[in-house]
Amino acid sequence: MDEKAWMAERFEEQRRHLRSVAYRMLGSLTEADDAVQEAWLRLDRTGADDIDDLKGWLTTVVGRVCLDMLRARKHRREQQLDDFLPEPLVTSDPEAETVLADAVGLALLVLLEALDPAQRLAFVLHDMFGVPFREIGEIVGRTPIAARKLASRARARVRSAPRPDPDLAEQQRVVDAFLAASRDGDFEGLVRILDPDVVFRRHAVADLVPVVTGAANVAREILARGTPLAPLARHVFVNGAPGAKVEVNGVTVAVAGFTVANGKVVELDLFANPNVFR
């Protein structure tokens, strides 16, 4: 085996890990794949001969690439290019996503989207993947102490993410009840299954208020706008949790991700197809 083939083989051994890092950093599988590909190009230019810890080196490189992408994205906010993030992972089976088997929950991913790029990098690399603050500091151009503070600030914000019920069967029961009430136009049934402080976020629906809160308000919105689509909803798993997908003539119209805690829907994220909802 020649050197390049050997290096490519070692890189492929790390691809799943690198994609997982990049998805948490960027909230988009498409951009995550771009970041991983850039890491390969940099490895190809550098060579692996002088790299003692290839996994650590590649993780750091992906972190740098993702940080640059996040900063570039931040400058484009006025163009609303990131209105469709995060990008949910939709599968028919909770174990089907072999590349990201430990997919981060939607509630946490939405919170990560709100972090400053440097905070997000520090939190993701340290708290999720154990990268030392010394290395994180080198990536963001700060001291290890400053990098630790970045992660601490991010951690304080992330603590507000609800913790889903650990039992997938219980989550599925709640989602089933939600879908049944939506199909039946059952306002009281919806209110019962929603947490009093439920948060309903609509992604990529430009002409509607993006966030609705409160059980009664959310139930009204669901029945006013979602009832015609409810019979078309089918069960899927969204970032590893029970969710729903609506398809019309083979085109995905919308994906709904649920965060279920204490037997109630505490957060609901609707990802609408921007080519349908304009």
Protein backbone atom coordinates (compact mmCIF):
# COMPACT_ATOMS: atom_id res chain seq x y z
CA MET A 1 0.00 0.00 0.00
CA ASP A 2 1.46 3.36 -1.00
CA GLU A 3 1.68 6.25 1.46
CA LYS A 4 -1.33 8.16 0.14
CA ALA A 5 -3.58 5.09 0.22
CA TRP A 6 -2.42 4.36 3.77
CA MET A 7 -3.16 7.93 4.81
CA ALA A 8 -6.58 7.82 3.15
CA GLU A 9 -7.41 4.62 5.02
CA ARG A 10 -6.46 6.16 8.35
CA PHE A 11 -8.53 9.23 7.53
CA GLU A 12 -11.58 7.10 6.74
CA GLU A 13 -11.24 5.53 10.19
CA GLN A 14 -11.82 9.01 11.66
CA ARG A 15 -14.54 10.20 9.25
CA ARG A 16 -17.50 9.37 11.50
CA HIS A 17 -15.91 11.13 14.46
CA LEU A 18 -15.00 14.18 12.39
CA ARG A 19 -18.48 14.42 10.88
CA SER A 20 -19.96 14.23 14.35
CA VAL A 21 -17.74 17.09 15.53
CA ALA A 22 -18.57 19.18 12.47
CA TYR A 23 -22.33 18.60 12.72
CA ARG A 24 -22.36 19.81 16.32
CA MET A 25 -20.34 22.83 15.30
CA LEU A 26 -22.36 23.72 12.21
CA GLY A 27 -25.81 22.18 12.64
CA SER A 28 -25.77 21.12 8.98
CA LEU A 29 -24.77 17.77 7.51
CA THR A 30 -23.99 19.37 4.17
CA GLU A 31 -21.61 21.88 5.72
CA ALA A 32 -20.23 19.19 8.04
CA ASP A 33 -19.26 17.10 5.01
CA ASP A 34 -17.61 20.16 3.47
CA ALA A 35 -15.59 20.71 6.66
CA VAL A 36 -14.50 17.07 6.76
CA GLN A 37 -13.46 17.21 3.11
CA GLU A 38 -11.39 20.32 3.81
CA ALA A 39 -9.69 18.46 6.66
CA TRP A 40 -8.74 15.70 4.24
CA LEU A 41 -7.30 18.22 1.77
CA ARG A 42 -5.19 19.76 4.52
CA LEU A 43 -3.98 16.34 5.64
CA ASP A 44 -3.14 15.45 2.04
CA ARG A 45 -1.05 18.62 1.72
CA THR A 46 0.67 18.16 5.08
CA GLY A 47 1.23 14.41 5.18
CA ALA A 48 0.87 12.20 8.23
CA ASP A 49 4.52 11.39 8.87
CA ASP A 50 5.03 13.99 11.60
CA ILE A 51 1.57 13.65 13.20
CA ASP A 52 1.70 11.58 16.39
CA ASP A 53 -2.01 11.82 17.21
CA LEU A 54 -3.93 11.81 13.94
CA LYS A 55 -7.37 11.88 15.56
CA GLY A 56 -6.42 14.86 17.70
CA TRP A 57 -4.81 16.67 14.77
CA LEU A 58 -7.83 16.14 12.54
CA THR A 59 -10.25 17.17 15.29
CA THR A 60 -8.33 20.41 15.70
CA VAL A 61 -8.30 21.03 11.96
CA VAL A 62 -12.05 20.41 11.66
CA GLY A 63 -12.55 22.79 14.59
CA ARG A 64 -10.59 25.51 12.80
CA VAL A 65 -12.48 24.98 9.55
CA CYS A 66 -15.85 25.05 11.33
CA LEU A 67 -14.92 28.19 13.25
CA ASP A 68 -14.12 29.96 9.98
CA MET A 69 -17.42 28.76 8.50
CA LEU A 70 -19.39 29.95 11.53
CA ARG A 71 -17.75 33.36 11.41
CA ALA A 72 -18.48 33.67 7.70
CA ARG A 73 -22.08 32.64 8.33
CA LYS A 74 -22.43 35.26 11.04
CA HIS A 75 -21.47 37.97 8.54
CA ARG A 76 -24.21 36.75 6.18
CA ARG A 77 -27.04 36.90 8.71
CA GLU A 78 -28.48 40.01 7.13
CA GLN A 79 -29.09 37.91 4.01
CA GLN A 80 -30.98 35.31 6.11
CA LEU A 81 -28.91 32.50 4.66
CA ASP A 82 -28.98 30.56 7.91
CA ASP A 83 -32.71 30.71 8.54
CA PHE A 84 -32.93 27.01 7.78
CA LEU A 85 -30.53 25.89 10.50
CA PRO A 86 -30.18 23.63 12.33
CA GLU A 87 -30.63 20.87 9.79
CA PRO A 88 -32.50 17.96 11.41
CA LEU A 89 -31.35 14.36 11.00
CA VAL A 90 -34.38 12.41 9.80
CA THR A 91 -34.37 8.59 9.80
CA SER A 92 -36.95 5.82 9.88
CA ASP A 93 -35.20 4.10 12.77
CA PRO A 94 -33.40 5.56 15.82
CA GLU A 95 -30.43 3.28 15.12
CA ALA A 96 -30.33 3.90 11.36
CA GLU A 97 -28.03 6.95 11.44
CA THR A 98 -24.76 5.05 11.65
CA VAL A 99 -22.65 8.12 10.92
CA LEU A 100 -24.11 10.05 13.84
CA ALA A 101 -25.51 7.35 16.09
CA ASP A 102 -25.21 9.67 19.09
CA ALA A 103 -26.91 12.58 17.29
CA VAL A 104 -27.28 15.64 19.46
CA GLY A 105 -30.86 16.46 20.44
CA LEU A 106 -32.71 19.25 18.68
CA ALA A 107 -33.21 21.29 21.85
CA LEU A 108 -29.46 21.43 22.43
CA LEU A 109 -28.70 22.01 18.76
CA VAL A 110 -31.02 25.03 18.66
CA LEU A 111 -29.24 26.49 21.69
CA LEU A 112 -25.85 25.89 20.08
CA GLU A 113 -27.01 27.93 17.08
CA ALA A 114 -27.45 30.94 19.38
CA LEU A 115 -23.88 30.82 20.74
CA ASP A 116 -21.01 32.99 19.63
CA PRO A 117 -18.77 30.94 17.26
CA ALA A 118 -15.85 30.82 19.71
CA GLN A 119 -18.14 29.80 22.58
CA ARG A 120 -19.69 27.08 20.46
CA LEU A 121 -16.28 25.72 19.50
CA ALA A 122 -15.03 25.72 23.09
CA PHE A 123 -18.15 23.96 24.37
CA VAL A 124 -18.36 21.39 21.59
CA LEU A 125 -14.68 20.49 21.52
CA HIS A 126 -14.17 20.41 25.28
CA ASP A 127 -17.48 19.29 26.76
CA MET A 128 -18.47 16.88 23.99
CA PHE A 129 -15.10 15.61 22.76
CA GLY A 130 -12.64 16.27 25.57
CA VAL A 131 -10.23 18.50 23.66
CA PRO A 132 -7.91 20.31 26.14
CA PHE A 133 -8.35 24.04 26.61
CA ARG A 134 -4.74 24.57 25.56
CA GLU A 135 -5.55 23.29 22.07
CA ILE A 136 -8.86 25.15 21.96
CA GLY A 137 -7.06 28.36 22.90
CA GLU A 138 -4.68 27.91 19.98
CA ILE A 139 -7.63 27.55 17.59
CA VAL A 140 -9.44 30.69 18.76
CA GLY A 141 -6.26 32.70 19.39
CA ARG A 142 -6.72 32.99 23.15
CA THR A 143 -5.11 31.68 26.32
CA PRO A 144 -6.23 28.36 27.83
CA ILE A 145 -7.85 30.31 30.68
CA ALA A 146 -9.82 32.42 28.21
CA ALA A 147 -10.85 29.28 26.34
CA ARG A 148 -12.09 27.79 29.60
CA LYS A 149 -14.20 30.90 30.19
CA LEU A 150 -15.69 30.60 26.71
CA ALA A 151 -16.80 27.05 27.46
CA SER A 152 -18.13 28.07 30.87
CA ARG A 153 -20.30 30.82 29.37
CA ALA A 154 -21.62 28.45 26.75
CA ARG A 155 -22.30 25.80 29.38
CA ALA A 156 -24.34 28.25 31.42
CA ARG A 157 -26.61 28.89 28.42
CA VAL A 158 -26.82 25.25 27.40
CA ARG A 159 -28.04 24.24 30.87
CA SER A 160 -31.43 25.71 29.95
CA ALA A 161 -31.98 22.97 27.34
CA PRO A 162 -34.75 20.60 28.49
CA ARG A 163 -33.75 17.02 29.23
CA PRO A 164 -35.89 14.64 27.18
CA ASP A 165 -37.54 11.64 28.80
CA PRO A 166 -35.07 8.73 28.52
CA ASP A 167 -37.77 6.26 27.44
CA LEU A 168 -38.26 6.44 23.66
CA ALA A 169 -41.53 4.52 23.97
CA GLU A 170 -42.90 7.22 26.30
CA GLN A 171 -41.74 9.93 23.90
CA GLN A 172 -43.46 8.10 21.05
CA ARG A 173 -46.69 7.85 23.06
CA VAL A 174 -46.72 11.61 23.57
CA VAL A 175 -45.97 12.33 19.91
CA ASP A 176 -48.70 9.90 18.84
CA ALA A 177 -51.18 11.71 21.09
CA PHE A 178 -50.10 15.04 19.62
CA LEU A 179 -50.58 13.84 16.05
CA ALA A 180 -53.95 12.27 16.85
CA ALA A 181 -55.23 15.48 18.44
CA SER A 182 -53.93 17.48 15.47
CA ARG A 183 -55.74 15.20 13.00
CA ASP A 184 -58.97 15.33 15.01
CA GLY A 185 -58.89 19.10 15.55
CA ASP A 186 -58.95 18.41 19.29
CA PHE A 187 -57.91 21.67 20.98
CA GLU A 188 -58.27 20.36 24.55
CA GLY A 189 -56.39 17.21 23.65
CA LEU A 190 -53.51 19.25 22.29
CA VAL A 191 -53.39 21.49 25.34
CA ARG A 192 -53.23 18.42 27.60
CA ILE A 193 -50.21 17.01 25.78
CA LEU A 194 -48.34 20.35 25.63
CA ASP A 195 -46.31 21.74 28.51
CA PRO A 196 -47.83 25.02 29.79
CA ASP A 197 -44.64 26.81 28.72
CA VAL A 198 -44.13 24.92 25.46
CA VAL A 199 -42.02 26.64 22.80
CA PHE A 200 -42.98 26.21 19.14
CA ARG A 201 -40.30 27.27 16.65
CA ARG A 202 -40.94 27.53 12.92
CA HIS A 203 -37.87 27.36 10.73
CA ALA A 204 -37.88 28.65 7.14
CA VAL A 205 -41.41 30.05 7.28
CA ALA A 206 -40.74 33.70 6.54
CA ASP A 207 -44.31 35.02 6.67
CA LEU A 208 -45.16 33.66 10.14
CA VAL A 209 -44.05 34.58 13.65
CA PRO A 210 -41.01 32.29 14.16
CA VAL A 211 -41.65 31.46 17.83
CA VAL A 212 -44.93 30.84 19.64
CA THR A 213 -45.08 30.02 23.36
CA GLY A 214 -47.72 28.70 25.73
CA ALA A 215 -49.91 25.61 25.37
CA ALA A 216 -53.11 27.39 24.29
CA ASN A 217 -51.31 29.62 21.77
CA VAL A 218 -49.41 26.72 20.25
CA ALA A 219 -52.55 24.55 20.06
CA ARG A 220 -54.38 27.31 18.20
CA GLU A 221 -51.51 27.69 15.74
CA ILE A 222 -51.34 23.94 15.12
CA LEU A 223 -55.08 23.67 14.48
CA ALA A 224 -55.23 26.85 12.40
CA ARG A 225 -52.39 25.96 10.05
CA GLY A 226 -51.44 22.32 10.48
CA THR A 227 -54.72 20.38 10.41
CA PRO A 228 -54.78 19.90 6.60
CA LEU A 229 -51.29 18.37 6.71
CA ALA A 230 -51.77 16.30 9.88
CA PRO A 231 -53.32 13.26 8.12
CA LEU A 232 -50.24 13.09 5.87
CA ALA A 233 -47.75 13.00 8.75
CA ARG A 234 -45.83 9.78 9.18
CA HIS A 235 -43.58 8.67 11.99
CA VAL A 236 -39.85 9.24 11.70
CA PHE A 237 -37.00 9.84 14.11
CA VAL A 238 -35.56 13.35 14.21
CA ASN A 239 -32.11 13.56 15.78
CA GLY A 240 -32.76 10.25 17.47
CA ALA A 241 -36.15 11.19 18.98
CA PRO A 242 -39.69 10.44 17.74
CA GLY A 243 -40.89 13.01 15.21
CA ALA A 244 -42.99 13.34 12.07
CA LYS A 245 -42.52 14.02 8.38
CA VAL A 246 -45.05 15.25 5.82
CA GLU A 247 -44.57 14.31 2.18
CA VAL A 248 -46.72 15.39 -0.78
CA ASN A 249 -46.14 13.65 -4.11
CA GLY A 250 -42.79 12.40 -2.89
CA VAL A 251 -41.60 15.85 -1.80
CA THR A 252 -40.85 16.50 1.87
CA VAL A 253 -43.02 19.45 2.87
CA ALA A 254 -42.18 19.63 6.56
CA VAL A 255 -40.41 17.83 9.38
CA ALA A 256 -41.48 18.16 13.01
CA GLY A 257 -39.07 17.51 15.84
CA PHE A 258 -40.39 17.06 19.39
CA THR A 259 -38.69 17.42 22.75
CA VAL A 260 -40.68 15.45 25.32
CA ALA A 261 -39.99 15.88 29.03
CA ASN A 262 -42.08 14.70 31.96
CA GLY A 263 -44.68 13.32 29.60
CA LYS A 264 -45.31 16.63 27.81
CA VAL A 265 -44.13 18.31 24.63
CA VAL A 266 -41.86 21.07 25.92
CA GLU A 267 -40.40 22.12 22.56
CA LEU A 268 -41.64 21.67 19.01
CA ASP A 269 -39.53 22.53 15.97
CA LEU A 270 -41.13 22.68 12.54
CA PHE A 271 -38.70 22.62 9.62
CA ALA A 272 -40.56 23.68 6.51
CA ASN A 273 -39.28 23.09 2.99
CA PRO A 274 -38.29 26.59 1.78
CA ASN A 275 -39.18 25.61 -1.78
CA VAL A 276 -42.76 25.02 -0.63
CA PHE A 277 -43.18 27.70 2.03
CA ARG A 278 -42.08 30.97 0.47
